[in-house]
Amino acid sequence: MPFSKVLKSFFIAAVMWSIGISAHAQVTQKSNAWPKQAIRIIVTFTPGGAPDILARVLAESWQQSLGVPVLVENRPGYGGNIGADLVAKSEPDGYTLLIGTVGIHAINGALYEKMSFDPVKDFTPISFLASTPNVLIVNKKLGVTNLHELIELAKAKPGQFTFGSSGVGTSLHMSGELFKEMAGVQIRHIPYKGRAQSLPDLLSGRISMLFDNLSSSLALIKAGEVQALGVTTLKRSRAAPEIPTLAEQGLTGFEAISWFSLMAPANLPPNIQKRLNQMVHQTLSNPEVKSRLLASGLDPAPGSPKDLSRLIASEASKWGRVVQQSGAKLE
């Protein structure tokens, strides 16, 4: 090949390499400058529940430290899939985040026959946030004060009682399905978009019982407005040690924990992922924040993205079996 052509080819390659380096530098510079605009934290349930509490704790802390607005948006419905779909299809720039749940990332994949997103591949894990026991609460007019009495009543009147949850596919729904299986009772599931809709129906007696996050129901339980029959963890909660576990009342091995995480769209730049993880640790390690969350029944435990990925894989395997055994399937 003539030297002039070689030189020309070399020149073109050098220009293209230079353009590539420049583009990479611009992307890096852009991500390093994060954040420059408002951040949205999407909550897939109505206000007042545990995911909403955690989102607002993060938003309050970050808005003060970052100097940009941090907004909490509630996008309830479809077992959390509506809000999760929004985040999955957002730009991976750190400005749209999700309060992930056990339902979205470990249950819905087995429960729904068709999903508009992949609950694992379409997200970047940031950090585990916190967990809370679920709690079985009943309308006081039902006249039961412990799990044994409830099971006896339900067996005497099969199909006549109902349990509510904050949505199909949530850990609260699956807590009820696991309860039905282990207790051998027939009770109908009534799904709601969130506790804001289910709680009035429990208090009025339109539904018989409700599985809720302990952090959401604790104030009502302590005020005596509802009767708590048991928490769904293997050990009693530090926030309410007076409430026995379902396991110690005869349902040996019963365990269903609601946990929450911070997620971003897939392909989030690693430096933003690292920055967000550090921010979560800083907020949840604050003694005042930690004390407030523990008092409300939430146990904060920030961790690494890899730890979160391992948890999701383990929980998906567990709840996949429960969904299969229950026979529950949704379009």
C-alpha atoms as a PDB file:
ATOM      1  CA  MET A   1       0.000   0.000   0.000  1.00  0.00           C
ATOM      2  CA  PRO A   2       1.369   3.449  -0.882  1.00  0.00           C
ATOM      3  CA  PHE A   3       2.711   5.401   2.050  1.00  0.00           C
ATOM      4  CA  SER A   4       0.203   8.229   1.425  1.00  0.00           C
ATOM      5  CA  LYS A   5      -2.719   5.809   1.870  1.00  0.00           C
ATOM      6  CA  VAL A   6      -1.182   4.348   5.001  1.00  0.00           C
ATOM      7  CA  LEU A   7      -0.750   7.842   6.401  1.00  0.00           C
ATOM      8  CA  LYS A   8      -4.338   8.715   5.494  1.00  0.00           C
ATOM      9  CA  SER A   9      -5.674   5.555   7.187  1.00  0.00           C
ATOM     10  CA  PHE A  10      -3.594   6.287  10.266  1.00  0.00           C
ATOM     11  CA  PHE A  11      -4.896   9.861  10.348  1.00  0.00           C
ATOM     12  CA  ILE A  12      -8.538   8.698  10.126  1.00  0.00           C
ATOM     13  CA  ALA A  13      -8.017   6.112  12.879  1.00  0.00           C
ATOM     14  CA  ALA A  14      -6.372   8.717  15.094  1.00  0.00           C
ATOM     15  CA  VAL A  15      -9.278  11.116  14.596  1.00  0.00           C
ATOM     16  CA  MET A  16     -11.843   8.408  15.412  1.00  0.00           C
ATOM     17  CA  TRP A  17      -9.878   7.391  18.520  1.00  0.00           C
ATOM     18  CA  SER A  18      -9.731  11.035  19.575  1.00  0.00           C
ATOM     19  CA  ILE A  19     -13.496  11.410  19.114  1.00  0.00           C
ATOM     20  CA  GLY A  20     -14.080   8.258  21.151  1.00  0.00           C
ATOM     21  CA  ILE A  21     -11.863   9.464  23.987  1.00  0.00           C
ATOM     22  CA  SER A  22     -13.572  12.857  23.931  1.00  0.00           C
ATOM     23  CA  ALA A  23     -17.044  11.297  24.086  1.00  0.00           C
ATOM     24  CA  HIS A  24     -15.984   9.032  26.969  1.00  0.00           C
ATOM     25  CA  ALA A  25     -14.528  12.033  28.795  1.00  0.00           C
ATOM     26  CA  GLN A  26     -17.787  13.947  28.344  1.00  0.00           C
ATOM     27  CA  VAL A  27     -19.827  11.053  29.758  1.00  0.00           C
ATOM     28  CA  THR A  28     -17.424  10.675  32.673  1.00  0.00           C
ATOM     29  CA  GLN A  29     -17.437  14.395  33.333  1.00  0.00           C
ATOM     30  CA  LYS A  30     -21.233  14.434  33.210  1.00  0.00           C
ATOM     31  CA  SER A  31     -21.588  11.550  35.680  1.00  0.00           C
ATOM     32  CA  ASN A  32     -18.907  13.009  37.944  1.00  0.00           C
ATOM     33  CA  ALA A  33     -20.907  16.242  38.105  1.00  0.00           C
ATOM     34  CA  TRP A  34     -23.936  14.397  39.528  1.00  0.00           C
ATOM     35  CA  PRO A  35     -26.280  15.680  40.846  1.00  0.00           C
ATOM     36  CA  LYS A  36     -27.187  18.809  38.904  1.00  0.00           C
ATOM     37  CA  GLN A  37     -30.984  18.529  38.997  1.00  0.00           C
ATOM     38  CA  ALA A  38     -33.862  17.177  41.054  1.00  0.00           C
ATOM     39  CA  ILE A  39     -33.810  13.512  42.076  1.00  0.00           C
ATOM     40  CA  ARG A  40     -37.008  11.443  42.095  1.00  0.00           C
ATOM     41  CA  ILE A  41     -37.534   8.510  44.461  1.00  0.00           C
ATOM     42  CA  ILE A  42     -40.413   6.345  43.243  1.00  0.00           C
ATOM     43  CA  VAL A  43     -42.519   4.556  45.873  1.00  0.00           C
ATOM     44  CA  THR A  44     -44.764   1.835  44.478  1.00  0.00           C
ATOM     45  CA  PHE A  45     -47.389   2.100  47.238  1.00  0.00           C
ATOM     46  CA  THR A  46     -49.615   4.789  48.723  1.00  0.00           C
ATOM     47  CA  PRO A  47     -48.268   7.233  51.352  1.00  0.00           C
ATOM     48  CA  GLY A  48     -47.874   6.151  54.963  1.00  0.00           C
ATOM     49  CA  GLY A  49     -46.394   2.669  54.547  1.00  0.00           C
ATOM     50  CA  ALA A  50     -42.851   1.505  55.213  1.00  0.00           C
ATOM     51  CA  PRO A  51     -41.517   2.182  51.660  1.00  0.00           C
ATOM     52  CA  ASP A  52     -42.888   5.709  51.836  1.00  0.00           C
ATOM     53  CA  ILE A  53     -41.357   6.294  55.279  1.00  0.00           C
ATOM     54  CA  LEU A  54     -37.922   5.213  54.043  1.00  0.00           C
ATOM     55  CA  ALA A  55     -38.134   7.303  50.872  1.00  0.00           C
ATOM     56  CA  ARG A  56     -38.983  10.433  52.835  1.00  0.00           C
ATOM     57  CA  VAL A  57     -36.166   9.816  55.326  1.00  0.00           C
ATOM     58  CA  LEU A  58     -33.689   9.604  52.441  1.00  0.00           C
ATOM     59  CA  ALA A  59     -35.205  12.598  50.644  1.00  0.00           C
ATOM     60  CA  GLU A  60     -35.053  14.798  53.728  1.00  0.00           C
ATOM     61  CA  SER A  61     -31.430  13.919  54.424  1.00  0.00           C
ATOM     62  CA  TRP A  62     -30.201  14.170  50.835  1.00  0.00           C
ATOM     63  CA  GLN A  63     -31.938  17.423  50.048  1.00  0.00           C
ATOM     64  CA  GLN A  64     -30.004  19.068  52.858  1.00  0.00           C
ATOM     65  CA  SER A  65     -26.634  17.595  51.867  1.00  0.00           C
ATOM     66  CA  LEU A  66     -26.874  17.720  48.051  1.00  0.00           C
ATOM     67  CA  GLY A  67     -28.461  21.117  47.560  1.00  0.00           C
ATOM     68  CA  VAL A  68     -30.927  19.856  44.918  1.00  0.00           C
ATOM     69  CA  PRO A  69     -34.613  18.933  45.333  1.00  0.00           C
ATOM     70  CA  VAL A  70     -35.250  15.284  46.202  1.00  0.00           C
ATOM     71  CA  LEU A  71     -38.857  14.387  45.434  1.00  0.00           C
ATOM     72  CA  VAL A  72     -40.891  11.390  46.556  1.00  0.00           C
ATOM     73  CA  GLU A  73     -43.473  10.167  44.032  1.00  0.00           C
ATOM     74  CA  ASN A  74     -46.067   7.545  44.928  1.00  0.00           C
ATOM     75  CA  ARG A  75     -46.977   5.327  41.950  1.00  0.00           C
ATOM     76  CA  PRO A  76     -49.108   2.512  43.413  1.00  0.00           C
ATOM     77  CA  GLY A  77     -50.745  -0.376  41.627  1.00  0.00           C
ATOM     78  CA  TYR A  78     -50.257  -3.770  40.021  1.00  0.00           C
ATOM     79  CA  GLY A  79     -48.266  -5.194  42.930  1.00  0.00           C
ATOM     80  CA  GLY A  80     -45.629  -2.480  42.589  1.00  0.00           C
ATOM     81  CA  ASN A  81     -45.113  -3.125  38.878  1.00  0.00           C
ATOM     82  CA  ILE A  82     -46.399   0.264  37.701  1.00  0.00           C
ATOM     83  CA  GLY A  83     -43.791   2.272  39.592  1.00  0.00           C
ATOM     84  CA  ALA A  84     -41.054  -0.274  38.969  1.00  0.00           C
ATOM     85  CA  ASP A  85     -41.731  -0.219  35.221  1.00  0.00           C
ATOM     86  CA  LEU A  86     -41.371   3.569  35.217  1.00  0.00           C
ATOM     87  CA  VAL A  87     -37.938   3.333  36.845  1.00  0.00           C
ATOM     88  CA  ALA A  88     -36.782   0.406  34.714  1.00  0.00           C
ATOM     89  CA  LYS A  89     -37.437   2.444  31.568  1.00  0.00           C
ATOM     90  CA  SER A  90     -35.877   5.674  32.855  1.00  0.00           C
ATOM     91  CA  GLU A  91     -32.442   6.985  31.927  1.00  0.00           C
ATOM     92  CA  PRO A  92     -29.666   5.448  34.067  1.00  0.00           C
ATOM     93  CA  ASP A  93     -28.422   8.843  35.217  1.00  0.00           C
ATOM     94  CA  GLY A  94     -29.101   8.692  38.957  1.00  0.00           C
ATOM     95  CA  TYR A  95     -32.076  11.049  38.816  1.00  0.00           C
ATOM     96  CA  THR A  96     -34.807   8.391  38.994  1.00  0.00           C
ATOM     97  CA  LEU A  97     -34.582   5.849  41.808  1.00  0.00           C
ATOM     98  CA  LEU A  98     -36.841   3.138  43.208  1.00  0.00           C
ATOM     99  CA  ILE A  99     -37.641   1.891  46.670  1.00  0.00           C
ATOM    100  CA  GLY A 100     -37.360  -1.790  45.807  1.00  0.00           C
ATOM    101  CA  THR A 101     -39.391  -4.400  47.677  1.00  0.00           C
ATOM    102  CA  VAL A 102     -39.398  -8.147  48.150  1.00  0.00           C
ATOM    103  CA  GLY A 103     -42.606  -8.190  46.106  1.00  0.00           C
ATOM    104  CA  ILE A 104     -41.166  -6.435  43.068  1.00  0.00           C
ATOM    105  CA  HIS A 105     -37.798  -8.153  42.944  1.00  0.00           C
ATOM    106  CA  ALA A 106     -38.417 -11.607  44.452  1.00  0.00           C
ATOM    107  CA  ILE A 107     -42.124 -12.470  44.088  1.00  0.00           C
ATOM    108  CA  ASN A 108     -43.662 -10.847  41.024  1.00  0.00           C
ATOM    109  CA  GLY A 109     -41.404 -12.660  38.580  1.00  0.00           C
ATOM    110  CA  ALA A 110     -42.996 -15.959  39.642  1.00  0.00           C
ATOM    111  CA  LEU A 111     -46.504 -14.592  40.140  1.00  0.00           C
ATOM    112  CA  TYR A 112     -47.118 -12.671  36.920  1.00  0.00           C
ATOM    113  CA  GLU A 113     -47.139 -14.579  33.648  1.00  0.00           C
ATOM    114  CA  LYS A 114     -46.179 -11.454  31.683  1.00  0.00           C
ATOM    115  CA  MET A 115     -44.120  -8.532  32.940  1.00  0.00           C
ATOM    116  CA  SER A 116     -43.038  -5.397  31.087  1.00  0.00           C
ATOM    117  CA  PHE A 117     -39.615  -5.444  32.760  1.00  0.00           C
ATOM    118  CA  ASP A 118     -37.140  -7.894  34.234  1.00  0.00           C
ATOM    119  CA  PRO A 119     -37.114  -7.497  38.050  1.00  0.00           C
ATOM    120  CA  VAL A 120     -33.367  -8.249  38.191  1.00  0.00           C
ATOM    121  CA  LYS A 121     -31.722  -7.418  34.857  1.00  0.00           C
ATOM    122  CA  ASP A 122     -33.440  -4.043  34.413  1.00  0.00           C
ATOM    123  CA  PHE A 123     -32.129  -2.574  37.681  1.00  0.00           C
ATOM    124  CA  THR A 124     -28.853  -1.549  39.270  1.00  0.00           C
ATOM    125  CA  PRO A 125     -28.735  -2.519  42.965  1.00  0.00           C
ATOM    126  CA  ILE A 126     -27.650   0.298  45.259  1.00  0.00           C
ATOM    127  CA  SER A 127     -28.171  -0.858  48.843  1.00  0.00           C
ATOM    128  CA  PHE A 128     -30.411  -2.776  51.202  1.00  0.00           C
ATOM    129  CA  LEU A 129     -32.331  -0.229  53.285  1.00  0.00           C
ATOM    130  CA  ALA A 130     -34.342  -1.893  56.043  1.00  0.00           C
ATOM    131  CA  SER A 131     -36.630  -4.743  56.965  1.00  0.00           C
ATOM    132  CA  THR A 132     -39.756  -5.033  59.064  1.00  0.00           C
ATOM    133  CA  PRO A 133     -41.825  -7.945  60.287  1.00  0.00           C
ATOM    134  CA  ASN A 134     -45.279  -8.311  58.857  1.00  0.00           C
ATOM    135  CA  VAL A 135     -48.028  -8.565  61.411  1.00  0.00           C
ATOM    136  CA  LEU A 136     -51.419 -10.262  61.369  1.00  0.00           C
ATOM    137  CA  ILE A 137     -54.054  -7.890  62.736  1.00  0.00           C
ATOM    138  CA  VAL A 138     -57.797  -8.490  63.062  1.00  0.00           C
ATOM    139  CA  ASN A 139     -60.910  -6.436  63.624  1.00  0.00           C
ATOM    140  CA  LYS A 140     -61.564  -6.466  67.370  1.00  0.00           C
ATOM    141  CA  LYS A 141     -65.222  -7.363  66.776  1.00  0.00           C
ATOM    142  CA  LEU A 142     -64.043 -10.722  65.461  1.00  0.00           C
ATOM    143  CA  GLY A 143     -63.632 -11.664  69.129  1.00  0.00           C
ATOM    144  CA  VAL A 144     -60.309 -13.498  68.870  1.00  0.00           C
ATOM    145  CA  THR A 145     -57.210 -12.651  70.883  1.00  0.00           C
ATOM    146  CA  ASN A 146     -54.696 -15.232  69.706  1.00  0.00           C
ATOM    147  CA  LEU A 147     -53.799 -17.281  66.635  1.00  0.00           C
ATOM    148  CA  HIS A 148     -55.308 -20.531  67.941  1.00  0.00           C
ATOM    149  CA  GLU A 149     -58.738 -18.904  68.315  1.00  0.00           C
ATOM    150  CA  LEU A 150     -58.564 -17.435  64.816  1.00  0.00           C
ATOM    151  CA  ILE A 151     -57.657 -20.762  63.214  1.00  0.00           C
ATOM    152  CA  GLU A 152     -60.475 -22.557  65.050  1.00  0.00           C
ATOM    153  CA  LEU A 153     -62.968 -19.906  63.916  1.00  0.00           C
ATOM    154  CA  ALA A 154     -61.749 -19.997  60.305  1.00  0.00           C
ATOM    155  CA  LYS A 155     -61.945 -23.803  60.176  1.00  0.00           C
ATOM    156  CA  ALA A 156     -65.484 -23.712  61.569  1.00  0.00           C
ATOM    157  CA  LYS A 157     -66.558 -21.262  58.853  1.00  0.00           C
ATOM    158  CA  PRO A 158     -64.488 -22.035  55.737  1.00  0.00           C
ATOM    159  CA  GLY A 159     -64.518 -19.341  53.065  1.00  0.00           C
ATOM    160  CA  GLN A 160     -66.453 -16.854  55.187  1.00  0.00           C
ATOM    161  CA  PHE A 161     -63.489 -14.743  56.268  1.00  0.00           C
ATOM    162  CA  THR A 162     -61.260 -12.423  54.250  1.00  0.00           C
ATOM    163  CA  PHE A 163     -57.749 -11.077  54.577  1.00  0.00           C
ATOM    164  CA  GLY A 164     -56.520  -7.877  53.010  1.00  0.00           C
ATOM    165  CA  SER A 165     -53.094  -6.843  51.788  1.00  0.00           C
ATOM    166  CA  SER A 166     -51.532  -3.837  50.088  1.00  0.00           C
ATOM    167  CA  GLY A 167     -51.554  -5.580  46.726  1.00  0.00           C
ATOM    168  CA  VAL A 168     -51.284  -8.827  44.810  1.00  0.00           C
ATOM    169  CA  GLY A 169     -47.771 -10.220  44.895  1.00  0.00           C
ATOM    170  CA  THR A 170     -46.586  -8.200  47.883  1.00  0.00           C
ATOM    171  CA  SER A 171     -44.973  -9.943  50.822  1.00  0.00           C
ATOM    172  CA  LEU A 172     -48.186  -9.145  52.707  1.00  0.00           C
ATOM    173  CA  HIS A 173     -50.218 -11.120  50.177  1.00  0.00           C
ATOM    174  CA  MET A 174     -47.724 -13.974  50.281  1.00  0.00           C
ATOM    175  CA  SER A 175     -47.811 -13.915  54.095  1.00  0.00           C
ATOM    176  CA  GLY A 176     -51.530 -14.624  53.835  1.00  0.00           C
ATOM    177  CA  GLU A 177     -51.023 -17.411  51.295  1.00  0.00           C
ATOM    178  CA  LEU A 178     -48.370 -19.005  53.500  1.00  0.00           C
ATOM    179  CA  PHE A 179     -50.703 -18.681  56.497  1.00  0.00           C
ATOM    180  CA  LYS A 180     -53.556 -20.383  54.615  1.00  0.00           C
ATOM    181  CA  GLU A 181     -51.280 -23.250  53.626  1.00  0.00           C
ATOM    182  CA  MET A 182     -49.651 -23.804  57.019  1.00  0.00           C
ATOM    183  CA  ALA A 183     -52.822 -23.302  59.095  1.00  0.00           C
ATOM    184  CA  GLY A 184     -55.043 -25.288  56.719  1.00  0.00           C
ATOM    185  CA  VAL A 185     -57.731 -22.609  56.485  1.00  0.00           C
ATOM    186  CA  GLN A 186     -59.812 -21.172  53.651  1.00  0.00           C
ATOM    187  CA  ILE A 187     -59.872 -17.376  53.672  1.00  0.00           C
ATOM    188  CA  ARG A 188     -60.308 -15.093  50.673  1.00  0.00           C
ATOM    189  CA  HIS A 189     -57.684 -12.547  49.652  1.00  0.00           C
ATOM    190  CA  ILE A 190     -58.815  -8.956  49.062  1.00  0.00           C
ATOM    191  CA  PRO A 191     -56.038  -6.895  47.421  1.00  0.00           C
ATOM    192  CA  TYR A 192     -55.783  -3.116  47.793  1.00  0.00           C
ATOM    193  CA  LYS A 193     -53.522  -0.487  46.265  1.00  0.00           C
ATOM    194  CA  GLY A 194     -52.081   0.252  49.703  1.00  0.00           C
ATOM    195  CA  ARG A 195     -52.751   0.325  53.426  1.00  0.00           C
ATOM    196  CA  ALA A 196     -54.538   3.680  53.076  1.00  0.00           C
ATOM    197  CA  GLN A 197     -57.385   1.791  51.405  1.00  0.00           C
ATOM    198  CA  SER A 198     -57.243  -1.487  53.338  1.00  0.00           C
ATOM    199  CA  LEU A 199     -57.102  -0.139  56.878  1.00  0.00           C
ATOM    200  CA  PRO A 200     -60.507   1.640  56.893  1.00  0.00           C
ATOM    201  CA  ASP A 201     -62.099  -1.596  55.636  1.00  0.00           C
ATOM    202  CA  LEU A 202     -60.478  -3.545  58.471  1.00  0.00           C
ATOM    203  CA  LEU A 203     -61.621  -1.028  61.081  1.00  0.00           C
ATOM    204  CA  SER A 204     -65.162  -1.041  59.696  1.00  0.00           C
ATOM    205  CA  GLY A 205     -65.291  -4.834  59.533  1.00  0.00           C
ATOM    206  CA  ARG A 206     -65.577  -5.132  55.737  1.00  0.00           C
ATOM    207  CA  ILE A 207     -62.545  -7.435  55.863  1.00  0.00           C
ATOM    208  CA  SER A 208     -61.807  -9.791  58.745  1.00  0.00           C
ATOM    209  CA  MET A 209     -58.040  -9.524  58.991  1.00  0.00           C
ATOM    210  CA  LEU A 210     -55.058  -7.835  57.417  1.00  0.00           C
ATOM    211  CA  PHE A 211     -51.398  -8.595  56.950  1.00  0.00           C
ATOM    212  CA  ASP A 212     -49.524  -5.304  57.270  1.00  0.00           C
ATOM    213  CA  ASN A 213     -45.993  -4.088  57.894  1.00  0.00           C
ATOM    214  CA  LEU A 214     -45.487  -3.799  61.639  1.00  0.00           C
ATOM    215  CA  SER A 215     -43.992  -0.342  61.116  1.00  0.00           C
ATOM    216  CA  SER A 216     -47.273   0.812  59.560  1.00  0.00           C
ATOM    217  CA  SER A 217     -49.651  -0.711  62.127  1.00  0.00           C
ATOM    218  CA  LEU A 218     -47.698  -0.250  65.344  1.00  0.00           C
ATOM    219  CA  ALA A 219     -49.424   2.970  66.407  1.00  0.00           C
ATOM    220  CA  LEU A 220     -52.901   1.466  65.885  1.00  0.00           C
ATOM    221  CA  ILE A 221     -51.920  -1.686  67.766  1.00  0.00           C
ATOM    222  CA  LYS A 222     -50.607   0.282  70.734  1.00  0.00           C
ATOM    223  CA  ALA A 223     -53.720   2.481  70.708  1.00  0.00           C
ATOM    224  CA  GLY A 224     -55.883  -0.639  70.963  1.00  0.00           C
ATOM    225  CA  GLU A 225     -57.764   0.022  67.724  1.00  0.00           C
ATOM    226  CA  VAL A 226     -56.881  -3.375  66.233  1.00  0.00           C
ATOM    227  CA  GLN A 227     -55.911  -6.729  67.706  1.00  0.00           C
ATOM    228  CA  ALA A 228     -52.447  -8.001  66.789  1.00  0.00           C
ATOM    229  CA  LEU A 229     -52.227 -11.804  66.718  1.00  0.00           C
ATOM    230  CA  GLY A 230     -48.632 -12.346  65.688  1.00  0.00           C
ATOM    231  CA  VAL A 231     -45.583 -11.169  63.772  1.00  0.00           C
ATOM    232  CA  THR A 232     -44.215 -13.111  60.828  1.00  0.00           C
ATOM    233  CA  THR A 233     -40.554 -13.275  61.861  1.00  0.00           C
ATOM    234  CA  LEU A 234     -38.940 -16.157  63.729  1.00  0.00           C
ATOM    235  CA  LYS A 235     -38.051 -13.852  66.619  1.00  0.00           C
ATOM    236  CA  ARG A 236     -40.154 -11.199  68.294  1.00  0.00           C
ATOM    237  CA  SER A 237     -39.660  -7.637  67.162  1.00  0.00           C
ATOM    238  CA  ARG A 238     -37.614  -5.243  69.274  1.00  0.00           C
ATOM    239  CA  ALA A 239     -40.212  -2.577  68.517  1.00  0.00           C
ATOM    240  CA  ALA A 240     -43.076  -4.662  69.960  1.00  0.00           C
ATOM    241  CA  PRO A 241     -41.712  -7.594  72.007  1.00  0.00           C
ATOM    242  CA  GLU A 242     -45.134  -8.167  73.546  1.00  0.00           C
ATOM    243  CA  ILE A 243     -46.512  -9.479  70.227  1.00  0.00           C
ATOM    244  CA  PRO A 244     -45.768 -13.218  69.840  1.00  0.00           C
ATOM    245  CA  THR A 245     -44.572 -14.723  66.584  1.00  0.00           C
ATOM    246  CA  LEU A 246     -46.833 -16.925  64.476  1.00  0.00           C
ATOM    247  CA  ALA A 247     -44.095 -19.579  64.658  1.00  0.00           C
ATOM    248  CA  GLU A 248     -44.199 -19.823  68.444  1.00  0.00           C
ATOM    249  CA  GLN A 249     -47.986 -20.203  68.338  1.00  0.00           C
ATOM    250  CA  GLY A 250     -47.902 -23.414  66.339  1.00  0.00           C
ATOM    251  CA  LEU A 251     -46.940 -22.439  62.799  1.00  0.00           C
ATOM    252  CA  THR A 252     -43.379 -23.697  63.205  1.00  0.00           C
ATOM    253  CA  GLY A 253     -40.934 -22.151  60.767  1.00  0.00           C
ATOM    254  CA  PHE A 254     -43.341 -19.435  59.577  1.00  0.00           C
ATOM    255  CA  GLU A 255     -41.237 -16.530  58.320  1.00  0.00           C
ATOM    256  CA  ALA A 256     -42.143 -13.690  55.970  1.00  0.00           C
ATOM    257  CA  ILE A 257     -40.178 -10.458  56.150  1.00  0.00           C
ATOM    258  CA  SER A 258     -40.851  -7.281  54.240  1.00  0.00           C
ATOM    259  CA  TRP A 259     -37.588  -5.738  53.099  1.00  0.00           C
ATOM    260  CA  PHE A 260     -36.796  -2.619  51.148  1.00  0.00           C
ATOM    261  CA  SER A 261     -33.891  -1.535  48.986  1.00  0.00           C
ATOM    262  CA  LEU A 262     -32.722   1.320  46.809  1.00  0.00           C
ATOM    263  CA  MET A 263     -32.552   0.523  43.111  1.00  0.00           C
ATOM    264  CA  ALA A 264     -31.747   2.442  39.919  1.00  0.00           C
ATOM    265  CA  PRO A 265     -32.223   1.625  36.235  1.00  0.00           C
ATOM    266  CA  ALA A 266     -29.774  -0.861  34.724  1.00  0.00           C
ATOM    267  CA  ASN A 267     -26.419   0.439  33.471  1.00  0.00           C
ATOM    268  CA  LEU A 268     -26.076   3.170  36.084  1.00  0.00           C
ATOM    269  CA  PRO A 269     -22.507   4.556  35.963  1.00  0.00           C
ATOM    270  CA  PRO A 270     -20.428   2.845  38.703  1.00  0.00           C
ATOM    271  CA  ASN A 271     -19.328   6.137  40.261  1.00  0.00           C
ATOM    272  CA  ILE A 272     -22.958   7.217  40.784  1.00  0.00           C
ATOM    273  CA  GLN A 273     -23.819   3.778  42.162  1.00  0.00           C
ATOM    274  CA  LYS A 274     -20.950   4.088  44.630  1.00  0.00           C
ATOM    275  CA  ARG A 275     -21.962   7.643  45.581  1.00  0.00           C
ATOM    276  CA  LEU A 276     -25.577   6.634  46.221  1.00  0.00           C
ATOM    277  CA  ASN A 277     -24.481   3.654  48.306  1.00  0.00           C
ATOM    278  CA  GLN A 278     -22.309   5.933  50.441  1.00  0.00           C
ATOM    279  CA  MET A 279     -25.224   8.348  50.861  1.00  0.00           C
ATOM    280  CA  VAL A 280     -27.530   5.545  52.022  1.00  0.00           C
ATOM    281  CA  HIS A 281     -24.951   4.390  54.587  1.00  0.00           C
ATOM    282  CA  GLN A 282     -24.458   7.928  55.844  1.00  0.00           C
ATOM    283  CA  THR A 283     -28.190   8.562  56.273  1.00  0.00           C
ATOM    284  CA  LEU A 284     -29.169   5.257  57.863  1.00  0.00           C
ATOM    285  CA  SER A 285     -26.141   5.212  60.169  1.00  0.00           C
ATOM    286  CA  ASN A 286     -27.167   8.543  61.670  1.00  0.00           C
ATOM    287  CA  PRO A 287     -28.106   7.723  65.312  1.00  0.00           C
ATOM    288  CA  GLU A 288     -31.187   9.947  65.250  1.00  0.00           C
ATOM    289  CA  VAL A 289     -32.492   8.430  61.990  1.00  0.00           C
ATOM    290  CA  LYS A 290     -31.710   4.897  63.142  1.00  0.00           C
ATOM    291  CA  SER A 291     -33.509   5.423  66.450  1.00  0.00           C
ATOM    292  CA  ARG A 292     -36.563   6.861  64.702  1.00  0.00           C
ATOM    293  CA  LEU A 293     -36.787   3.937  62.280  1.00  0.00           C
ATOM    294  CA  LEU A 294     -36.307   1.303  64.990  1.00  0.00           C
ATOM    295  CA  ALA A 295     -39.067   2.892  67.071  1.00  0.00           C
ATOM    296  CA  SER A 296     -41.434   2.573  64.129  1.00  0.00           C
ATOM    297  CA  GLY A 297     -40.635  -1.120  63.590  1.00  0.00           C
ATOM    298  CA  LEU A 298     -38.087  -0.733  60.787  1.00  0.00           C
ATOM    299  CA  ASP A 299     -34.623  -2.233  61.197  1.00  0.00           C
ATOM    300  CA  PRO A 300     -32.138  -0.275  59.046  1.00  0.00           C
ATOM    301  CA  ALA A 301     -29.201  -2.288  57.688  1.00  0.00           C
ATOM    302  CA  PRO A 302     -27.440  -0.703  54.694  1.00  0.00           C
ATOM    303  CA  GLY A 303     -25.090  -2.979  52.781  1.00  0.00           C
ATOM    304  CA  SER A 304     -23.228  -3.414  49.518  1.00  0.00           C
ATOM    305  CA  PRO A 305     -24.755  -3.841  46.035  1.00  0.00           C
ATOM    306  CA  LYS A 306     -23.369  -7.406  45.920  1.00  0.00           C
ATOM    307  CA  ASP A 307     -25.039  -8.270  49.241  1.00  0.00           C
ATOM    308  CA  LEU A 308     -28.331  -6.968  47.878  1.00  0.00           C
ATOM    309  CA  SER A 309     -28.004  -9.023  44.683  1.00  0.00           C
ATOM    310  CA  ARG A 310     -27.392 -12.191  46.708  1.00  0.00           C
ATOM    311  CA  LEU A 311     -30.434 -11.483  48.902  1.00  0.00           C
ATOM    312  CA  ILE A 312     -32.689 -10.976  45.879  1.00  0.00           C
ATOM    313  CA  ALA A 313     -31.563 -14.290  44.368  1.00  0.00           C
ATOM    314  CA  SER A 314     -32.185 -16.151  47.640  1.00  0.00           C
ATOM    315  CA  GLU A 315     -35.597 -14.580  48.251  1.00  0.00           C
ATOM    316  CA  ALA A 316     -36.716 -15.153  44.650  1.00  0.00           C
ATOM    317  CA  SER A 317     -36.004 -18.866  45.077  1.00  0.00           C
ATOM    318  CA  LYS A 318     -37.934 -19.037  48.369  1.00  0.00           C
ATOM    319  CA  TRP A 319     -41.014 -17.117  47.270  1.00  0.00           C
ATOM    320  CA  GLY A 320     -41.053 -18.777  43.871  1.00  0.00           C
ATOM    321  CA  ARG A 321     -41.750 -22.051  45.685  1.00  0.00           C
ATOM    322  CA  VAL A 322     -44.531 -20.435  47.767  1.00  0.00           C
ATOM    323  CA  VAL A 323     -46.172 -19.003  44.645  1.00  0.00           C
ATOM    324  CA  GLN A 324     -45.979 -22.390  42.926  1.00  0.00           C
ATOM    325  CA  GLN A 325     -47.460 -24.208  45.914  1.00  0.00           C
ATOM    326  CA  SER A 326     -50.268 -21.657  46.281  1.00  0.00           C
ATOM    327  CA  GLY A 327     -51.177 -21.954  42.603  1.00  0.00           C
ATOM    328  CA  ALA A 328     -51.451 -18.179  42.324  1.00  0.00           C
ATOM    329  CA  LYS A 329     -50.938 -16.800  38.823  1.00  0.00           C
ATOM    330  CA  LEU A 330     -51.788 -13.410  37.361  1.00  0.00           C
ATOM    331  CA  GLU A 331     -51.975 -12.033  33.839  1.00  0.00           C
END
